[in-house]
Protein backbone atom coordinates (compact mmCIF):
# COMPACT_ATOMS: atom_id res chain seq x y z
CA MET A 1 -0.02 -0.17 -0.08
CA GLY A 2 1.03 3.48 0.34
CA GLU A 3 1.73 5.92 -2.83
CA PRO A 4 3.65 5.44 -5.65
CA PRO A 5 7.22 6.77 -6.22
CA VAL A 6 7.67 10.54 -7.63
CA ILE A 7 10.38 10.38 -10.12
CA VAL A 8 12.12 13.78 -10.79
CA ASP A 9 12.12 14.54 -14.43
CA THR A 10 14.53 17.17 -15.42
CA SER A 11 12.26 18.44 -18.25
CA LEU A 12 9.67 19.17 -16.27
CA THR A 13 11.34 21.13 -14.01
CA ASN A 14 12.85 23.07 -16.84
CA TYR A 15 9.47 23.63 -18.38
CA SER A 16 8.10 24.94 -14.60
CA VAL A 17 11.09 27.51 -14.70
CA THR A 18 10.08 28.56 -18.34
CA ASN A 19 6.43 28.86 -17.47
CA MET A 20 7.25 30.81 -14.24
CA GLN A 21 9.67 33.11 -16.35
CA ARG A 22 6.44 33.54 -18.85
CA THR A 23 4.15 33.87 -16.04
CA LEU A 24 6.03 37.15 -14.49
CA PHE A 25 6.88 38.28 -17.85
CA ASN A 26 3.11 38.41 -18.16
CA LYS A 27 2.66 40.57 -14.92
CA GLY A 28 5.20 43.00 -15.97
CA PHE A 29 8.34 41.63 -14.65
CA PHE A 30 10.52 41.84 -18.15
CA ASN A 31 13.76 41.24 -16.87
CA ALA A 32 12.77 38.52 -14.31
CA THR A 33 15.23 35.42 -13.57
CA VAL A 34 14.00 32.22 -12.74
CA SER A 35 16.60 29.32 -11.60
CA LYS A 36 16.17 26.05 -9.99
CA LYS A 37 18.39 23.75 -7.65
CA ILE A 38 17.82 19.79 -7.59
CA ASP A 39 19.25 18.46 -4.53
CA PHE A 40 19.35 14.51 -4.51
CA ASN A 41 19.56 12.70 -0.87
CA LYS A 42 20.71 8.95 -2.36
CA LYS A 43 20.06 7.50 1.24
CA LYS A 44 16.60 8.56 1.76
CA LYS A 45 16.10 7.86 -2.31
CA GLN A 46 14.49 12.06 -1.96
CA ALA A 47 14.83 15.09 -4.20
CA THR A 48 14.28 18.47 -3.02
CA ILE A 49 13.72 21.08 -5.79
CA THR A 50 13.94 24.78 -4.82
CA TYR A 51 12.90 27.44 -7.56
CA SER A 52 14.14 30.75 -6.84
CA ALA A 53 12.54 33.97 -8.70
CA VAL A 54 14.00 37.47 -8.99
CA GLY A 55 11.96 39.91 -10.69
CA GLY A 56 13.54 42.64 -12.66
CA ALA A 57 12.11 46.35 -12.73
CA GLY A 58 8.58 46.38 -13.83
CA VAL A 59 5.91 48.40 -15.03
CA GLY A 60 5.19 50.35 -11.78
CA SER A 61 7.15 48.35 -9.65
CA ALA A 62 10.54 47.87 -7.92
CA GLY A 63 10.47 44.12 -8.27
CA VAL A 64 9.43 40.72 -6.91
CA ALA A 65 11.90 38.11 -4.79
CA ALA A 66 10.27 34.54 -4.35
CA ALA A 67 11.38 31.15 -3.46
CA GLY A 68 9.80 27.66 -3.25
CA ARG A 69 10.92 23.95 -2.50
CA ILE A 70 8.97 21.04 -3.62
CA SER A 71 10.19 18.04 -1.97
CA GLY A 72 9.93 14.79 -3.32
CA ALA A 73 8.14 11.48 -1.24
CA GLY A 74 4.13 12.26 -1.99
CA ALA A 75 4.98 15.77 -3.74
CA THR A 76 4.75 17.59 -0.65
CA ALA A 77 5.08 21.41 -1.34
CA ALA A 78 6.28 24.08 0.41
CA THR A 79 7.17 28.06 -0.04
CA SER A 80 9.58 30.25 1.91
């Protein structure tokens, strides 16, 4: 019983980065950058993906900064 394992697919994480950049652009953050970092824990057979977004100068805004983390094992998501 239990949940099936979640497999880290780097092409999907790259898609997520592109999607976040497009969303920020559409919100007026034209020079926003989004990056990701994947940490693997082979002992626990888990991976943690950390996304970081830094907005460039937007229309009527000083910018935006955000970071989020998605952990493996049950696709638990948390933001910081």
